[in-house]
Amino acid sequence: MLKVVSRATSRALVSLEAAKQQLDIAADDSSQDQDLQRVIARASSLIERHCCRIFAREVVRETFRQVEARTCVVLGRDPATIRAVVADGALLDPDCYELDGQLLYRIRRGLQAGWFTQHLVVDYAAGYQLPGQPEEAEAEPLPADLEQACLLLITAMREAAGRDPMLRSQTVPETLSQSWLDPRNTAAHLPPQVADALAPHSRALFA
């Protein structure tokens, strides 16, 4: 079970300034700012849904029950910075555990050992440093390919404004032939180059 203790104030993957530069809008032109903010939020949300994860840095508390004979537990979010680990009510010393990506190992006498606990609580901060968020020394910057994917998606969304977003193809000559995208398919909302860039960052389930 994962509970968010401190939520990010924004989950936008790119800044307004970066979006303007991508779209060749002058930095001092504020006439489209409101619309651009909505497009940025929409593009960021689509990327989250496609990747089945939240990229913004948030403080969470994750609880694991009946953790018996496991070599490790898998945290629901990453990249993570552990703040506290409590096993059956006892606060563990940092030397008693080790984090490798999303995998949290129990350490005994300097070696990895199995977890044997009925109730394990892990407090940690997870996610990337996003534009406009308070800077945190331990936070990793958003990967460049994620930022670029979001900018490409913003460009595609602006270019597609006013068109039927579900229309995949259309043939006009004498007999009109049309086909639509499946609205249940998240990948169908993304240009192929965006979906390809996001592939390394996708997860099976939301945490």
N, C-alpha and C. Protein backbone atom coordinates (compact mmCIF):
# COMPACT_ATOMS: atom_id res chain seq x y z
N MET A 1 0.84 -1.19 0.00
CA MET A 1 0.00 0.00 0.00
C MET A 1 0.88 1.24 0.00
N LEU A 2 0.59 2.17 -0.91
CA LEU A 2 1.39 3.39 -1.02
C LEU A 2 0.52 4.61 -0.75
N LYS A 3 1.01 5.47 0.13
CA LYS A 3 0.31 6.69 0.48
C LYS A 3 1.21 7.89 0.21
N VAL A 4 0.67 8.90 -0.48
CA VAL A 4 1.45 10.11 -0.75
C VAL A 4 1.39 11.02 0.47
N VAL A 5 2.55 11.33 1.03
CA VAL A 5 2.64 12.18 2.23
C VAL A 5 2.73 13.65 1.83
N SER A 6 3.48 13.93 0.79
CA SER A 6 3.65 15.31 0.32
C SER A 6 3.59 15.31 -1.21
N ARG A 7 2.53 15.93 -1.77
CA ARG A 7 2.33 15.92 -3.20
C ARG A 7 3.11 17.05 -3.89
N ALA A 8 3.47 16.80 -5.12
CA ALA A 8 4.12 17.83 -5.94
C ALA A 8 3.09 18.91 -6.27
N THR A 9 3.52 20.15 -6.29
CA THR A 9 2.61 21.25 -6.62
C THR A 9 2.29 21.28 -8.11
N SER A 10 3.15 20.67 -8.93
CA SER A 10 2.92 20.60 -10.36
C SER A 10 3.57 19.32 -10.90
N ARG A 11 2.91 18.71 -11.91
CA ARG A 11 3.48 17.53 -12.53
C ARG A 11 3.82 17.78 -14.00
N ALA A 12 3.96 19.06 -14.34
CA ALA A 12 4.33 19.44 -15.71
C ALA A 12 5.76 19.00 -16.00
N LEU A 13 5.95 18.32 -17.12
CA LEU A 13 7.26 17.78 -17.46
C LEU A 13 8.17 18.78 -18.15
N VAL A 14 7.61 19.87 -18.63
CA VAL A 14 8.42 20.92 -19.24
C VAL A 14 7.94 22.28 -18.74
N SER A 15 8.81 23.25 -18.83
CA SER A 15 8.46 24.61 -18.41
C SER A 15 7.75 25.35 -19.53
N LEU A 16 7.07 26.41 -19.18
CA LEU A 16 6.41 27.26 -20.17
C LEU A 16 7.45 27.84 -21.13
N GLU A 17 8.60 28.21 -20.59
CA GLU A 17 9.66 28.81 -21.41
C GLU A 17 10.16 27.81 -22.46
N ALA A 18 10.34 26.53 -22.04
CA ALA A 18 10.81 25.51 -22.97
C ALA A 18 9.79 25.25 -24.07
N ALA A 19 8.51 25.26 -23.69
CA ALA A 19 7.44 25.05 -24.67
C ALA A 19 7.41 26.19 -25.69
N LYS A 20 7.56 27.41 -25.22
CA LYS A 20 7.58 28.57 -26.13
C LYS A 20 8.74 28.46 -27.11
N GLN A 21 9.89 28.08 -26.61
CA GLN A 21 11.06 27.95 -27.48
C GLN A 21 10.82 26.87 -28.53
N GLN A 22 10.22 25.75 -28.11
CA GLN A 22 9.92 24.66 -29.03
C GLN A 22 8.96 25.10 -30.14
N LEU A 23 7.99 25.96 -29.78
CA LEU A 23 6.96 26.38 -30.72
C LEU A 23 7.28 27.71 -31.41
N ASP A 24 8.50 28.21 -31.19
CA ASP A 24 8.95 29.48 -31.81
C ASP A 24 8.04 30.64 -31.42
N ILE A 25 7.69 30.69 -30.13
CA ILE A 25 6.91 31.80 -29.60
C ILE A 25 7.86 32.68 -28.79
N ALA A 26 7.80 33.97 -29.02
CA ALA A 26 8.70 34.89 -28.32
C ALA A 26 8.53 34.78 -26.82
N ALA A 27 9.64 34.83 -26.10
CA ALA A 27 9.62 34.68 -24.65
C ALA A 27 8.76 35.75 -23.97
N ASP A 28 8.71 36.96 -24.56
CA ASP A 28 7.94 38.05 -23.94
C ASP A 28 6.50 38.12 -24.44
N ASP A 29 6.09 37.12 -25.25
CA ASP A 29 4.71 37.06 -25.75
C ASP A 29 3.89 36.21 -24.79
N SER A 30 3.05 36.86 -24.00
CA SER A 30 2.25 36.14 -23.00
C SER A 30 0.81 35.87 -23.46
N SER A 31 0.50 36.19 -24.72
CA SER A 31 -0.87 36.08 -25.20
C SER A 31 -1.38 34.63 -25.24
N GLN A 32 -0.46 33.67 -25.32
CA GLN A 32 -0.87 32.27 -25.42
C GLN A 32 -0.52 31.46 -24.17
N ASP A 33 -0.06 32.14 -23.13
CA ASP A 33 0.43 31.44 -21.95
C ASP A 33 -0.61 30.50 -21.34
N GLN A 34 -1.83 30.98 -21.19
CA GLN A 34 -2.87 30.18 -20.55
C GLN A 34 -3.16 28.90 -21.35
N ASP A 35 -3.26 29.05 -22.65
CA ASP A 35 -3.51 27.89 -23.50
C ASP A 35 -2.32 26.94 -23.46
N LEU A 36 -1.11 27.48 -23.48
CA LEU A 36 0.08 26.64 -23.44
C LEU A 36 0.17 25.85 -22.14
N GLN A 37 -0.20 26.49 -21.03
CA GLN A 37 -0.17 25.79 -19.74
C GLN A 37 -1.12 24.59 -19.76
N ARG A 38 -2.27 24.76 -20.39
CA ARG A 38 -3.22 23.64 -20.49
C ARG A 38 -2.65 22.52 -21.36
N VAL A 39 -2.00 22.89 -22.46
CA VAL A 39 -1.42 21.89 -23.36
C VAL A 39 -0.29 21.14 -22.65
N ILE A 40 0.53 21.85 -21.91
CA ILE A 40 1.63 21.23 -21.16
C ILE A 40 1.07 20.23 -20.14
N ALA A 41 0.03 20.64 -19.42
CA ALA A 41 -0.58 19.77 -18.42
C ALA A 41 -1.17 18.53 -19.07
N ARG A 42 -1.84 18.71 -20.22
CA ARG A 42 -2.44 17.59 -20.93
C ARG A 42 -1.38 16.64 -21.46
N ALA A 43 -0.33 17.17 -22.05
CA ALA A 43 0.75 16.32 -22.58
C ALA A 43 1.44 15.56 -21.46
N SER A 44 1.69 16.22 -20.34
CA SER A 44 2.33 15.56 -19.19
C SER A 44 1.46 14.44 -18.65
N SER A 45 0.14 14.69 -18.59
CA SER A 45 -0.79 13.67 -18.10
C SER A 45 -0.84 12.47 -19.04
N LEU A 46 -0.85 12.72 -20.35
CA LEU A 46 -0.85 11.62 -21.31
C LEU A 46 0.40 10.76 -21.18
N ILE A 47 1.53 11.40 -20.95
CA ILE A 47 2.79 10.67 -20.81
C ILE A 47 2.77 9.84 -19.53
N GLU A 48 2.24 10.40 -18.44
CA GLU A 48 2.11 9.63 -17.20
C GLU A 48 1.25 8.39 -17.42
N ARG A 49 0.12 8.56 -18.08
CA ARG A 49 -0.80 7.45 -18.32
C ARG A 49 -0.15 6.40 -19.22
N HIS A 50 0.55 6.84 -20.23
CA HIS A 50 1.21 5.92 -21.15
C HIS A 50 2.29 5.11 -20.42
N CYS A 51 3.04 5.78 -19.56
CA CYS A 51 4.15 5.13 -18.85
C CYS A 51 3.71 4.44 -17.56
N CYS A 52 2.45 4.69 -17.14
CA CYS A 52 1.92 4.09 -15.91
C CYS A 52 2.79 4.43 -14.69
N ARG A 53 3.15 5.71 -14.60
CA ARG A 53 3.94 6.14 -13.44
C ARG A 53 3.86 7.65 -13.31
N ILE A 54 4.25 8.14 -12.13
CA ILE A 54 4.30 9.57 -11.84
C ILE A 54 5.76 9.98 -11.77
N PHE A 55 6.12 11.01 -12.53
CA PHE A 55 7.52 11.44 -12.61
C PHE A 55 7.87 12.54 -11.61
N ALA A 56 6.87 13.26 -11.11
CA ALA A 56 7.13 14.37 -10.19
C ALA A 56 7.66 13.85 -8.86
N ARG A 57 8.52 14.60 -8.25
CA ARG A 57 9.11 14.24 -6.95
C ARG A 57 8.07 14.42 -5.86
N GLU A 58 7.77 13.34 -5.15
CA GLU A 58 6.82 13.37 -4.05
C GLU A 58 7.35 12.51 -2.89
N VAL A 59 6.91 12.84 -1.69
CA VAL A 59 7.26 12.05 -0.51
C VAL A 59 6.14 11.04 -0.27
N VAL A 60 6.50 9.77 -0.16
CA VAL A 60 5.51 8.72 -0.01
C VAL A 60 5.85 7.81 1.17
N ARG A 61 4.83 7.09 1.61
CA ARG A 61 5.02 6.03 2.62
C ARG A 61 4.44 4.75 2.06
N GLU A 62 5.27 3.74 1.94
CA GLU A 62 4.82 2.47 1.38
C GLU A 62 4.89 1.38 2.44
N THR A 63 3.81 0.63 2.56
CA THR A 63 3.69 -0.41 3.58
C THR A 63 3.63 -1.79 2.92
N PHE A 64 4.45 -2.69 3.43
CA PHE A 64 4.46 -4.08 2.97
C PHE A 64 4.10 -4.98 4.15
N ARG A 65 3.23 -5.95 3.93
CA ARG A 65 2.80 -6.85 5.00
C ARG A 65 3.22 -8.29 4.70
N GLN A 66 3.55 -8.98 5.78
CA GLN A 66 3.97 -10.37 5.70
C GLN A 66 5.08 -10.56 4.66
N VAL A 67 6.16 -9.83 4.91
CA VAL A 67 7.33 -9.91 4.03
C VAL A 67 8.22 -11.02 4.56
N GLU A 68 8.02 -12.21 4.07
CA GLU A 68 8.73 -13.38 4.60
C GLU A 68 9.60 -14.03 3.53
N ALA A 69 10.85 -14.23 3.89
CA ALA A 69 11.81 -14.93 3.03
C ALA A 69 11.97 -14.28 1.66
N ARG A 70 11.79 -12.98 1.57
CA ARG A 70 12.03 -12.27 0.32
C ARG A 70 13.44 -11.71 0.32
N THR A 71 14.13 -11.87 -0.79
CA THR A 71 15.46 -11.29 -0.86
C THR A 71 15.40 -9.77 -0.95
N CYS A 72 14.29 -9.25 -1.48
CA CYS A 72 14.13 -7.80 -1.57
C CYS A 72 12.66 -7.46 -1.70
N VAL A 73 12.32 -6.19 -1.46
CA VAL A 73 10.99 -5.68 -1.76
C VAL A 73 11.14 -4.66 -2.87
N VAL A 74 10.10 -4.53 -3.69
CA VAL A 74 10.14 -3.63 -4.84
C VAL A 74 9.34 -2.38 -4.51
N LEU A 75 10.00 -1.24 -4.49
CA LEU A 75 9.32 0.02 -4.23
C LEU A 75 8.44 0.40 -5.42
N GLY A 76 7.34 1.06 -5.12
CA GLY A 76 6.39 1.41 -6.16
C GLY A 76 6.82 2.56 -7.04
N ARG A 77 7.78 3.36 -6.58
CA ARG A 77 8.22 4.52 -7.37
C ARG A 77 9.74 4.62 -7.38
N ASP A 78 10.25 5.30 -8.39
CA ASP A 78 11.68 5.57 -8.50
C ASP A 78 11.87 6.79 -9.40
N PRO A 79 13.10 7.37 -9.39
CA PRO A 79 14.23 7.09 -8.51
C PRO A 79 13.91 7.54 -7.08
N ALA A 80 14.40 6.76 -6.12
CA ALA A 80 13.98 6.97 -4.73
C ALA A 80 15.16 7.33 -3.82
N THR A 81 14.83 8.08 -2.78
CA THR A 81 15.77 8.39 -1.70
C THR A 81 15.11 7.96 -0.40
N ILE A 82 15.67 6.96 0.26
CA ILE A 82 15.09 6.43 1.48
C ILE A 82 15.25 7.42 2.63
N ARG A 83 14.17 7.63 3.38
CA ARG A 83 14.22 8.50 4.55
C ARG A 83 14.14 7.71 5.84
N ALA A 84 13.39 6.60 5.83
CA ALA A 84 13.29 5.76 7.03
C ALA A 84 12.72 4.40 6.64
N VAL A 85 13.20 3.37 7.33
CA VAL A 85 12.67 2.02 7.16
C VAL A 85 12.35 1.48 8.54
N VAL A 86 11.10 1.07 8.74
CA VAL A 86 10.65 0.56 10.04
C VAL A 86 10.15 -0.87 9.85
N ALA A 87 10.77 -1.82 10.52
CA ALA A 87 10.40 -3.23 10.43
C ALA A 87 9.81 -3.68 11.75
N ASP A 88 8.52 -4.06 11.73
CA ASP A 88 7.81 -4.50 12.94
C ASP A 88 7.98 -3.50 14.09
N GLY A 89 7.88 -2.21 13.75
CA GLY A 89 7.93 -1.16 14.76
C GLY A 89 9.31 -0.68 15.13
N ALA A 90 10.36 -1.31 14.60
CA ALA A 90 11.73 -0.92 14.94
C ALA A 90 12.36 -0.15 13.78
N LEU A 91 12.87 1.04 14.09
CA LEU A 91 13.54 1.84 13.07
C LEU A 91 14.90 1.23 12.76
N LEU A 92 15.14 0.92 11.49
CA LEU A 92 16.39 0.29 11.10
C LEU A 92 17.46 1.32 10.82
N ASP A 93 18.68 0.98 11.19
CA ASP A 93 19.84 1.80 10.87
C ASP A 93 20.08 1.73 9.36
N PRO A 94 20.52 2.82 8.73
CA PRO A 94 20.78 2.80 7.28
C PRO A 94 21.72 1.69 6.84
N ASP A 95 22.58 1.21 7.74
CA ASP A 95 23.48 0.11 7.38
C ASP A 95 22.75 -1.22 7.27
N CYS A 96 21.47 -1.24 7.68
CA CYS A 96 20.71 -2.49 7.70
C CYS A 96 19.88 -2.71 6.43
N TYR A 97 19.99 -1.80 5.49
CA TYR A 97 19.27 -1.97 4.22
C TYR A 97 20.06 -1.29 3.10
N GLU A 98 19.72 -1.66 1.88
CA GLU A 98 20.43 -1.14 0.71
C GLU A 98 19.45 -1.02 -0.45
N LEU A 99 19.50 0.11 -1.14
CA LEU A 99 18.59 0.35 -2.25
C LEU A 99 19.35 0.25 -3.57
N ASP A 100 18.80 -0.55 -4.49
CA ASP A 100 19.36 -0.69 -5.82
C ASP A 100 18.22 -0.47 -6.82
N GLY A 101 18.12 0.75 -7.34
CA GLY A 101 16.99 1.09 -8.20
C GLY A 101 15.70 1.09 -7.40
N GLN A 102 14.77 0.19 -7.75
CA GLN A 102 13.53 0.05 -6.99
C GLN A 102 13.60 -1.09 -5.98
N LEU A 103 14.72 -1.79 -5.91
CA LEU A 103 14.85 -2.97 -5.06
C LEU A 103 15.49 -2.61 -3.72
N LEU A 104 14.77 -2.91 -2.64
CA LEU A 104 15.27 -2.63 -1.29
C LEU A 104 15.68 -3.94 -0.64
N TYR A 105 16.98 -4.06 -0.32
CA TYR A 105 17.52 -5.29 0.26
C TYR A 105 17.75 -5.13 1.76
N ARG A 106 17.62 -6.22 2.48
CA ARG A 106 17.97 -6.28 3.91
C ARG A 106 19.44 -6.64 4.00
N ILE A 107 20.18 -5.91 4.82
CA ILE A 107 21.61 -6.15 4.98
C ILE A 107 21.89 -6.63 6.40
N ARG A 108 22.58 -7.75 6.50
CA ARG A 108 23.02 -8.28 7.79
C ARG A 108 24.49 -8.65 7.69
N ARG A 109 25.29 -8.09 8.61
CA ARG A 109 26.73 -8.34 8.62
C ARG A 109 27.37 -8.03 7.28
N GLY A 110 26.88 -6.98 6.66
CA GLY A 110 27.47 -6.53 5.42
C GLY A 110 27.04 -7.29 4.18
N LEU A 111 26.12 -8.25 4.34
CA LEU A 111 25.69 -9.07 3.22
C LEU A 111 24.17 -8.96 3.03
N GLN A 112 23.71 -9.14 1.79
CA GLN A 112 22.28 -9.14 1.52
C GLN A 112 21.64 -10.37 2.16
N ALA A 113 20.52 -10.15 2.85
CA ALA A 113 19.81 -11.23 3.52
C ALA A 113 18.32 -11.07 3.26
N GLY A 114 17.56 -12.11 3.51
CA GLY A 114 16.13 -12.06 3.27
C GLY A 114 15.39 -11.21 4.29
N TRP A 115 14.29 -10.62 3.86
CA TRP A 115 13.41 -9.89 4.77
C TRP A 115 12.52 -10.91 5.50
N PHE A 116 12.45 -10.82 6.81
CA PHE A 116 11.54 -11.65 7.60
C PHE A 116 10.81 -10.72 8.56
N THR A 117 9.71 -10.16 8.10
CA THR A 117 8.97 -9.20 8.93
C THR A 117 7.49 -9.24 8.56
N GLN A 118 6.65 -8.96 9.53
CA GLN A 118 5.21 -8.95 9.30
C GLN A 118 4.72 -7.60 8.81
N HIS A 119 5.48 -6.55 9.15
CA HIS A 119 5.02 -5.19 8.83
C HIS A 119 6.23 -4.32 8.54
N LEU A 120 6.38 -3.94 7.27
CA LEU A 120 7.52 -3.14 6.85
C LEU A 120 7.01 -1.82 6.28
N VAL A 121 7.51 -0.71 6.82
CA VAL A 121 7.10 0.62 6.37
C VAL A 121 8.33 1.36 5.85
N VAL A 122 8.23 1.86 4.63
CA VAL A 122 9.35 2.58 4.01
C VAL A 122 8.90 4.00 3.67
N ASP A 123 9.56 4.98 4.26
CA ASP A 123 9.32 6.38 3.93
C ASP A 123 10.40 6.82 2.95
N TYR A 124 9.99 7.38 1.82
CA TYR A 124 11.00 7.81 0.85
C TYR A 124 10.45 8.90 -0.06
N ALA A 125 11.39 9.62 -0.67
CA ALA A 125 11.04 10.61 -1.70
C ALA A 125 11.37 9.98 -3.04
N ALA A 126 10.47 10.14 -4.01
CA ALA A 126 10.69 9.50 -5.30
C ALA A 126 10.24 10.41 -6.43
N GLY A 127 10.92 10.28 -7.55
CA GLY A 127 10.59 11.09 -8.72
C GLY A 127 11.75 11.99 -9.10
N TYR A 128 11.54 12.76 -10.15
CA TYR A 128 12.58 13.63 -10.69
C TYR A 128 12.34 15.10 -10.32
N GLN A 129 13.40 15.86 -10.42
CA GLN A 129 13.31 17.30 -10.26
C GLN A 129 12.66 17.88 -11.50
N LEU A 130 11.44 18.38 -11.38
CA LEU A 130 10.72 18.92 -12.53
C LEU A 130 10.84 20.45 -12.57
N PRO A 131 10.61 21.05 -13.73
CA PRO A 131 10.69 22.51 -13.84
C PRO A 131 9.74 23.21 -12.87
N GLY A 132 10.24 24.24 -12.22
CA GLY A 132 9.40 25.03 -11.33
C GLY A 132 9.20 24.44 -9.95
N GLN A 133 9.72 23.25 -9.69
CA GLN A 133 9.59 22.64 -8.38
C GLN A 133 10.74 23.08 -7.47
N PRO A 134 10.51 23.11 -6.15
CA PRO A 134 11.60 23.46 -5.24
C PRO A 134 12.80 22.54 -5.44
N GLU A 135 13.97 23.10 -5.54
CA GLU A 135 15.16 22.30 -5.79
C GLU A 135 15.50 21.44 -4.57
N GLU A 136 15.86 20.21 -4.86
CA GLU A 136 16.22 19.26 -3.82
C GLU A 136 17.55 18.62 -4.21
N ALA A 137 18.51 18.68 -3.30
CA ALA A 137 19.87 18.22 -3.61
C ALA A 137 19.92 16.77 -4.05
N GLU A 138 19.04 15.93 -3.46
CA GLU A 138 19.10 14.49 -3.75
C GLU A 138 18.28 14.10 -4.98
N ALA A 139 17.50 15.03 -5.52
CA ALA A 139 16.63 14.71 -6.65
C ALA A 139 17.41 14.68 -7.96
N GLU A 140 17.14 13.67 -8.78
CA GLU A 140 17.76 13.57 -10.09
C GLU A 140 16.99 14.45 -11.09
N PRO A 141 17.71 15.05 -12.03
CA PRO A 141 17.01 15.86 -13.05
C PRO A 141 16.19 14.96 -13.97
N LEU A 142 15.13 15.51 -14.54
CA LEU A 142 14.31 14.76 -15.48
C LEU A 142 15.17 14.35 -16.68
N PRO A 143 15.14 13.06 -17.07
CA PRO A 143 15.93 12.64 -18.23
C PRO A 143 15.61 13.47 -19.47
N ALA A 144 16.63 13.78 -20.24
CA ALA A 144 16.47 14.65 -21.41
C ALA A 144 15.50 14.06 -22.43
N ASP A 145 15.48 12.72 -22.57
CA ASP A 145 14.58 12.13 -23.56
C ASP A 145 13.12 12.26 -23.15
N LEU A 146 12.84 12.29 -21.84
CA LEU A 146 11.48 12.50 -21.37
C LEU A 146 11.02 13.93 -21.66
N GLU A 147 11.90 14.88 -21.41
CA GLU A 147 11.57 16.28 -21.69
C GLU A 147 11.33 16.48 -23.18
N GLN A 148 12.22 15.89 -24.00
CA GLN A 148 12.08 16.04 -25.45
C GLN A 148 10.80 15.37 -25.95
N ALA A 149 10.44 14.22 -25.38
CA ALA A 149 9.20 13.54 -25.77
C ALA A 149 7.99 14.40 -25.47
N CYS A 150 8.02 15.08 -24.33
CA CYS A 150 6.90 15.95 -23.97
C CYS A 150 6.82 17.14 -24.91
N LEU A 151 7.95 17.71 -25.28
CA LEU A 151 7.96 18.84 -26.21
C LEU A 151 7.45 18.43 -27.59
N LEU A 152 7.82 17.22 -28.03
CA LEU A 152 7.33 16.72 -29.32
C LEU A 152 5.82 16.51 -29.27
N LEU A 153 5.33 16.02 -28.14
CA LEU A 153 3.89 15.79 -28.00
C LEU A 153 3.14 17.11 -27.98
N ILE A 154 3.69 18.12 -27.31
CA ILE A 154 3.07 19.44 -27.28
C ILE A 154 2.97 20.01 -28.69
N THR A 155 4.04 19.85 -29.47
CA THR A 155 4.03 20.32 -30.86
C THR A 155 2.95 19.61 -31.66
N ALA A 156 2.86 18.29 -31.51
CA ALA A 156 1.85 17.52 -32.24
C ALA A 156 0.44 17.92 -31.84
N MET A 157 0.23 18.19 -30.55
CA MET A 157 -1.09 18.57 -30.07
C MET A 157 -1.49 19.94 -30.61
N ARG A 158 -0.55 20.86 -30.69
CA ARG A 158 -0.85 22.19 -31.22
C ARG A 158 -1.16 22.11 -32.71
N GLU A 159 -0.42 21.27 -33.42
CA GLU A 159 -0.65 21.14 -34.86
C GLU A 159 -1.98 20.47 -35.16
N ALA A 160 -2.43 19.61 -34.23
CA ALA A 160 -3.67 18.86 -34.44
C ALA A 160 -4.90 19.61 -33.91
N ALA A 161 -4.72 20.80 -33.37
CA ALA A 161 -5.84 21.55 -32.80
C ALA A 161 -6.91 21.78 -33.85
N GLY A 162 -8.16 21.46 -33.49
CA GLY A 162 -9.29 21.65 -34.40
C GLY A 162 -9.60 20.44 -35.25
N ARG A 163 -8.72 19.43 -35.24
CA ARG A 163 -9.00 18.22 -35.99
C ARG A 163 -9.56 17.15 -35.06
N ASP A 164 -10.27 16.17 -35.62
CA ASP A 164 -10.79 15.06 -34.85
C ASP A 164 -9.63 14.21 -34.36
N PRO A 165 -9.34 14.19 -33.04
CA PRO A 165 -8.17 13.47 -32.54
C PRO A 165 -8.27 11.96 -32.71
N MET A 166 -9.47 11.44 -32.94
CA MET A 166 -9.64 10.00 -33.08
C MET A 166 -9.60 9.55 -34.54
N LEU A 167 -9.57 10.49 -35.49
CA LEU A 167 -9.55 10.15 -36.90
C LEU A 167 -8.14 9.74 -37.31
N ARG A 168 -8.00 8.48 -37.72
CA ARG A 168 -6.69 7.96 -38.08
C ARG A 168 -6.40 8.13 -39.57
N SER A 169 -7.39 7.91 -40.40
CA SER A 169 -7.20 8.05 -41.84
C SER A 169 -8.50 8.47 -42.50
N GLN A 170 -8.36 9.06 -43.69
CA GLN A 170 -9.54 9.54 -44.40
C GLN A 170 -9.25 9.50 -45.91
N THR A 171 -10.17 8.94 -46.65
CA THR A 171 -10.05 8.89 -48.10
C THR A 171 -11.24 9.64 -48.69
N VAL A 172 -10.96 10.61 -49.57
CA VAL A 172 -12.04 11.45 -50.06
C VAL A 172 -12.58 11.07 -51.44
N PRO A 173 -11.74 10.97 -52.51
CA PRO A 173 -12.22 10.99 -53.90
C PRO A 173 -13.72 10.96 -54.09
N GLU A 174 -14.30 9.83 -54.43
CA GLU A 174 -15.74 9.79 -54.67
C GLU A 174 -16.48 9.12 -53.52
N THR A 175 -15.84 8.17 -52.91
CA THR A 175 -16.45 7.48 -51.77
C THR A 175 -15.60 7.74 -50.53
N LEU A 176 -16.21 8.35 -49.54
CA LEU A 176 -15.47 8.70 -48.31
C LEU A 176 -15.23 7.46 -47.47
N SER A 177 -13.99 7.26 -47.09
CA SER A 177 -13.63 6.14 -46.22
C SER A 177 -12.87 6.69 -45.02
N GLN A 178 -13.34 6.41 -43.82
CA GLN A 178 -12.70 6.93 -42.62
C GLN A 178 -12.43 5.80 -41.63
N SER A 179 -11.43 5.99 -40.78
CA SER A 179 -11.18 5.04 -39.70
C SER A 179 -10.75 5.82 -38.47
N TRP A 180 -11.11 5.28 -37.30
CA TRP A 180 -10.83 5.98 -36.05
C TRP A 180 -9.94 5.14 -35.14
N LEU A 181 -9.22 5.84 -34.27
CA LEU A 181 -8.37 5.19 -33.27
C LEU A 181 -9.23 4.64 -32.14
N ASP A 182 -8.73 3.60 -31.50
CA ASP A 182 -9.40 3.03 -30.34
C ASP A 182 -9.12 3.93 -29.14
N PRO A 183 -10.14 4.57 -28.54
CA PRO A 183 -9.92 5.49 -27.42
C PRO A 183 -9.36 4.81 -26.18
N ARG A 184 -9.44 3.48 -26.12
CA ARG A 184 -8.90 2.76 -24.97
C ARG A 184 -7.40 2.54 -25.08
N ASN A 185 -6.87 2.80 -26.26
CA ASN A 185 -5.45 2.59 -26.51
C ASN A 185 -4.69 3.89 -26.29
N THR A 186 -3.98 4.00 -25.16
CA THR A 186 -3.26 5.23 -24.83
C THR A 186 -2.19 5.54 -25.86
N ALA A 187 -1.51 4.51 -26.36
CA ALA A 187 -0.42 4.72 -27.32
C ALA A 187 -0.94 5.36 -28.59
N ALA A 188 -2.24 5.14 -28.90
CA ALA A 188 -2.80 5.71 -30.12
C ALA A 188 -2.86 7.23 -30.07
N HIS A 189 -2.82 7.81 -28.86
CA HIS A 189 -2.85 9.26 -28.70
C HIS A 189 -1.47 9.88 -28.91
N LEU A 190 -0.44 9.05 -29.02
CA LEU A 190 0.93 9.56 -29.08
C LEU A 190 1.56 9.31 -30.44
N PRO A 191 2.28 10.29 -30.96
CA PRO A 191 3.03 10.07 -32.20
C PRO A 191 4.05 8.94 -31.97
N PRO A 192 4.37 8.17 -33.00
CA PRO A 192 5.30 7.03 -32.84
C PRO A 192 6.63 7.42 -32.22
N GLN A 193 7.20 8.57 -32.62
CA GLN A 193 8.50 8.96 -32.08
C GLN A 193 8.42 9.27 -30.60
N VAL A 194 7.25 9.75 -30.14
CA VAL A 194 7.06 10.01 -28.71
C VAL A 194 6.94 8.70 -27.96
N ALA A 195 6.12 7.78 -28.47
CA ALA A 195 5.95 6.47 -27.82
C ALA A 195 7.28 5.72 -27.74
N ASP A 196 8.10 5.81 -28.78
CA ASP A 196 9.40 5.14 -28.78
C ASP A 196 10.31 5.72 -27.71
N ALA A 197 10.30 7.05 -27.57
CA ALA A 197 11.16 7.70 -26.57
C ALA A 197 10.74 7.35 -25.15
N LEU A 198 9.45 7.07 -24.96
CA LEU A 198 8.94 6.79 -23.63
C LEU A 198 9.10 5.33 -23.22
N ALA A 199 9.38 4.46 -24.19
CA ALA A 199 9.45 3.02 -23.91
C ALA A 199 10.37 2.65 -22.73
N PRO A 200 11.57 3.23 -22.61
CA PRO A 200 12.45 2.85 -21.49
C PRO A 200 11.93 3.30 -20.12
N HIS A 201 10.96 4.21 -20.13
CA HIS A 201 10.47 4.77 -18.87
C HIS A 201 9.11 4.23 -18.46
N SER A 202 8.58 3.27 -19.19
CA SER A 202 7.25 2.75 -18.92
C SER A 202 7.28 1.71 -17.80
N ARG A 203 6.16 1.64 -17.08
CA ARG A 203 5.99 0.65 -16.01
C ARG A 203 4.70 -0.12 -16.27
N ALA A 204 4.61 -1.31 -15.67
CA ALA A 204 3.43 -2.15 -15.90
C ALA A 204 2.20 -1.61 -15.20
N LEU A 205 2.39 -1.06 -14.00
CA LEU A 205 1.26 -0.59 -13.20
C LEU A 205 1.58 0.74 -12.56
N PHE A 206 0.52 1.53 -12.31
CA PHE A 206 0.70 2.76 -11.55
C PHE A 206 1.06 2.41 -10.12
N ALA A 207 1.96 3.20 -9.53
CA ALA A 207 2.28 3.03 -8.11
C ALA A 207 1.53 4.05 -7.30
